[in-house]
């Protein structure tokens, strides 16, 4: 059976490189490419794709996780395999909760990428070893792990947003934002926004702008 692929990445060189690697596999066919997440959603809805290789960052447009959620919400949707350079908890959790079947890093060897595509196409989970390890660490220490919402709030703090701006972005009250930050400080063992961002960046929980 031929596995039909959609490559979603805003860098033409990356798409060309992926196509070159994937075209060497006899059971793969790259049927479409998308330079934006919005375009990926449109193409995935056409019914001609089995697996979407989805980047997470598309410049100023829709985020890859949001596109993944839109794609996977439809009946009979293709599988989405996230292929990114980001391995933070915030990115991994957002993608997994959005419905991604797999999560690979762009430095994965060709044979690992091919295996992940086949695994995703079969409806199974395909996680890079480093990603699987981070998820397992979270499960082992749930009391110390930041929740998805706490990671979202902290990422916006790192992006330079005030509590008021964060409340508007996430549709939360400012009191709720402050509450999330209190929990973040306690879990990270810090007492300020700057220290929280530094600690979370060091632990690869969030990424710096």
Protein backbone atom coordinates (compact mmCIF):
# COMPACT_ATOMS: atom_id res chain seq x y z
CA UNK A 1 0.00 0.00 0.00
CA UNK A 2 1.29 3.44 -0.91
CA UNK A 3 1.36 6.01 1.89
CA UNK A 4 0.43 9.47 0.59
CA UNK A 5 2.28 12.31 2.30
CA UNK A 6 1.73 16.04 2.77
CA UNK A 7 4.80 18.08 3.75
CA UNK A 8 3.90 21.15 5.82
CA UNK A 9 6.88 23.44 6.48
CA UNK A 10 7.49 27.11 5.71
CA UNK A 11 11.08 26.54 4.54
CA UNK A 12 11.38 25.40 0.88
CA UNK A 13 14.83 23.91 1.51
CA UNK A 14 13.47 21.77 4.35
CA UNK A 15 10.59 20.54 2.19
CA UNK A 16 12.98 19.73 -0.64
CA UNK A 17 15.23 17.81 1.73
CA UNK A 18 12.33 15.85 3.17
CA UNK A 19 11.01 15.04 -0.30
CA UNK A 20 14.44 13.79 -1.37
CA UNK A 21 14.63 11.49 1.66
CA UNK A 22 11.05 10.24 1.48
CA UNK A 23 11.12 9.65 -2.30
CA UNK A 24 13.71 6.91 -1.73
CA UNK A 25 11.07 4.81 0.05
CA UNK A 26 9.11 2.66 -2.43
CA UNK A 27 5.86 2.83 -0.46
CA UNK A 28 5.85 6.63 0.02
CA UNK A 29 4.45 9.25 -2.34
CA UNK A 30 4.62 12.98 -1.57
CA UNK A 31 1.34 14.22 -3.01
CA UNK A 32 1.37 17.83 -1.74
CA UNK A 33 3.37 20.52 0.05
CA UNK A 34 2.20 23.43 2.19
CA UNK A 35 4.18 26.52 3.16
CA UNK A 36 1.62 27.59 5.79
CA UNK A 37 -0.34 25.76 8.47
CA UNK A 38 -3.57 27.15 7.02
CA UNK A 39 -2.76 25.63 3.63
CA UNK A 40 -1.92 22.32 5.29
CA UNK A 41 -5.38 22.24 6.87
CA UNK A 42 -6.98 22.87 3.46
CA UNK A 43 -4.96 20.19 1.69
CA UNK A 44 -5.46 17.62 4.46
CA UNK A 45 -9.22 18.02 4.14
CA UNK A 46 -9.14 16.90 0.51
CA UNK A 47 -9.07 13.20 1.33
CA UNK A 48 -5.94 12.48 -0.73
CA UNK A 49 -3.47 12.36 2.18
CA UNK A 50 -2.63 9.58 4.64
CA UNK A 51 0.04 11.28 6.77
CA UNK A 52 0.87 14.96 7.29
CA UNK A 53 4.44 15.82 8.29
CA UNK A 54 3.79 18.98 10.29
CA UNK A 55 6.25 21.64 11.42
CA UNK A 56 5.24 23.65 14.50
CA UNK A 57 6.37 27.18 13.69
CA UNK A 58 5.07 28.96 10.58
CA UNK A 59 6.12 32.56 11.09
CA UNK A 60 3.19 34.85 11.88
CA UNK A 61 0.46 32.43 10.80
CA UNK A 62 -1.33 29.55 12.49
CA UNK A 63 0.77 27.37 14.79
CA UNK A 64 1.39 23.77 13.81
CA UNK A 65 -0.41 22.47 16.90
CA UNK A 66 -3.53 24.47 16.03
CA UNK A 67 -3.42 23.09 12.48
CA UNK A 68 -2.97 19.58 13.87
CA UNK A 69 -6.06 20.00 16.02
CA UNK A 70 -8.14 21.19 13.05
CA UNK A 71 -6.94 18.35 10.86
CA UNK A 72 -7.44 15.53 13.36
CA UNK A 73 -10.88 16.77 14.44
CA UNK A 74 -12.41 15.69 11.14
CA UNK A 75 -13.82 12.23 10.45
CA UNK A 76 -11.45 10.11 8.42
CA UNK A 77 -8.64 12.62 8.88
CA UNK A 78 -5.05 11.80 7.96
CA UNK A 79 -2.54 11.10 10.71
CA UNK A 80 -0.30 13.98 11.73
CA UNK A 81 3.37 13.41 12.46
CA UNK A 82 5.01 16.48 13.98
CA UNK A 83 8.51 17.08 12.65
CA UNK A 84 10.20 19.98 14.42
CA UNK A 85 13.38 21.31 16.02
CA UNK A 86 11.61 21.98 19.33
CA UNK A 87 11.69 19.43 22.14
CA UNK A 88 10.25 21.46 25.03
CA UNK A 89 7.47 20.16 27.26
CA UNK A 90 5.22 23.01 26.10
CA UNK A 91 5.55 22.06 22.43
CA UNK A 92 5.30 18.31 22.98
CA UNK A 93 2.19 18.53 25.19
CA UNK A 94 0.44 20.95 22.83
CA UNK A 95 1.05 18.67 19.84
CA UNK A 96 0.04 15.46 21.60
CA UNK A 97 -3.12 17.03 23.02
CA UNK A 98 -3.94 18.39 19.56
CA UNK A 99 -4.07 14.83 18.26
CA UNK A 100 -0.65 14.26 16.72
CA UNK A 101 0.11 10.58 16.15
CA UNK A 102 3.82 11.16 16.48
CA UNK A 103 6.53 13.66 17.38
CA UNK A 104 9.96 13.59 15.78
CA UNK A 105 12.88 15.98 15.78
CA UNK A 106 14.32 17.18 12.48
CA UNK A 107 17.71 15.69 13.24
CA UNK A 108 16.22 12.18 13.21
CA UNK A 109 18.03 9.79 10.83
CA UNK A 110 16.18 8.90 7.59
CA UNK A 111 15.41 5.36 8.71
CA UNK A 112 13.82 6.64 11.93
CA UNK A 113 11.71 9.12 9.94
CA UNK A 114 10.55 6.40 7.54
CA UNK A 115 9.67 4.07 10.41
CA UNK A 116 7.72 6.85 12.16
CA UNK A 117 5.73 7.60 9.01
CA UNK A 118 4.74 3.94 8.65
CA UNK A 119 3.88 3.70 12.34
CA UNK A 120 1.70 6.83 12.16
CA UNK A 121 0.01 5.60 8.98
CA UNK A 122 -0.88 2.39 10.82
CA UNK A 123 -2.63 4.44 13.51
CA UNK A 124 -0.01 3.90 16.17
CA UNK A 125 2.07 6.34 18.21
CA UNK A 126 5.48 7.33 16.89
CA UNK A 127 7.54 9.30 19.40
CA UNK A 128 11.22 10.15 19.20
CA UNK A 129 13.08 8.42 22.07
CA UNK A 130 13.97 11.77 23.68
CA UNK A 131 10.33 12.89 23.49
CA UNK A 132 9.04 9.63 24.96
CA UNK A 133 11.55 10.00 27.81
CA UNK A 134 10.34 13.52 28.62
CA UNK A 135 6.71 12.34 28.72
CA UNK A 136 7.67 9.43 30.97
CA UNK A 137 9.52 11.79 33.32
CA UNK A 138 6.36 13.88 33.58
CA UNK A 139 4.31 10.81 34.45
CA UNK A 140 6.80 9.74 37.13
CA UNK A 141 6.68 13.12 38.87
CA UNK A 142 3.20 14.55 38.18
CA UNK A 143 3.23 16.81 41.27
CA UNK A 144 6.35 18.58 40.04
CA UNK A 145 5.42 18.77 36.35
CA UNK A 146 3.93 21.99 35.00
CA UNK A 147 0.47 21.57 33.51
CA UNK A 148 -0.24 22.47 29.89
CA UNK A 149 -1.92 25.71 31.00
CA UNK A 150 0.96 26.61 33.32
CA UNK A 151 3.38 26.05 30.44
CA UNK A 152 1.25 28.27 28.19
CA UNK A 153 1.25 31.07 30.76
CA UNK A 154 4.99 30.78 31.35
CA UNK A 155 5.73 30.75 27.62
CA UNK A 156 3.82 34.01 27.24
CA UNK A 157 5.75 35.47 30.18
CA UNK A 158 8.94 34.51 28.34
CA UNK A 159 7.56 36.21 25.24
CA UNK A 160 7.34 39.44 27.25
CA UNK A 161 3.58 39.66 27.85
CA UNK A 162 2.16 41.22 31.02
CA UNK A 163 -0.43 39.44 33.18
CA UNK A 164 -3.12 41.60 31.60
CA UNK A 165 -2.00 40.68 28.09
CA UNK A 166 -1.79 37.01 29.02
CA UNK A 167 -5.31 37.09 30.45
CA UNK A 168 -6.64 38.49 27.18
CA UNK A 169 -4.65 36.03 25.05
CA UNK A 170 -5.81 32.98 26.99
CA UNK A 171 -9.26 34.29 27.94
CA UNK A 172 -8.50 34.03 31.66
CA UNK A 173 -8.97 36.47 34.50
CA UNK A 174 -5.84 38.20 35.77
CA UNK A 175 -6.39 36.51 39.12
CA UNK A 176 -6.25 33.11 37.40
CA UNK A 177 -3.05 34.09 35.59
CA UNK A 178 -1.49 35.10 38.91
CA UNK A 179 -2.62 31.82 40.46
CA UNK A 180 -0.98 29.84 37.67
CA UNK A 181 2.25 31.78 38.17
CA UNK A 182 2.21 31.10 41.91
CA UNK A 183 1.99 27.38 41.16
CA UNK A 184 4.77 27.70 38.57
CA UNK A 185 7.06 29.45 41.07
CA UNK A 186 6.41 26.76 43.68
CA UNK A 187 7.10 23.89 41.29
CA UNK A 188 10.27 25.48 39.93
CA UNK A 189 11.50 26.69 43.31
CA UNK A 190 11.76 30.35 42.25
CA UNK A 191 10.22 33.65 43.34
CA UNK A 192 10.11 35.84 40.23
CA UNK A 193 9.06 35.88 36.58
CA UNK A 194 12.65 36.21 35.40
CA UNK A 195 13.85 33.30 37.52
CA UNK A 196 10.90 31.17 36.38
CA UNK A 197 11.68 31.78 32.71
CA UNK A 198 15.38 31.06 33.26
CA UNK A 199 14.68 27.83 35.15
CA UNK A 200 12.09 26.62 32.63
CA UNK A 201 14.38 27.40 29.69
CA UNK A 202 17.26 25.51 31.29
CA UNK A 203 15.02 22.48 31.83
CA UNK A 204 13.66 22.74 28.26
CA UNK A 205 10.09 23.24 29.48
CA UNK A 206 9.60 26.28 27.25
CA UNK A 207 11.59 27.93 24.48
CA UNK A 208 12.99 31.42 24.50
CA UNK A 209 11.78 33.84 21.81
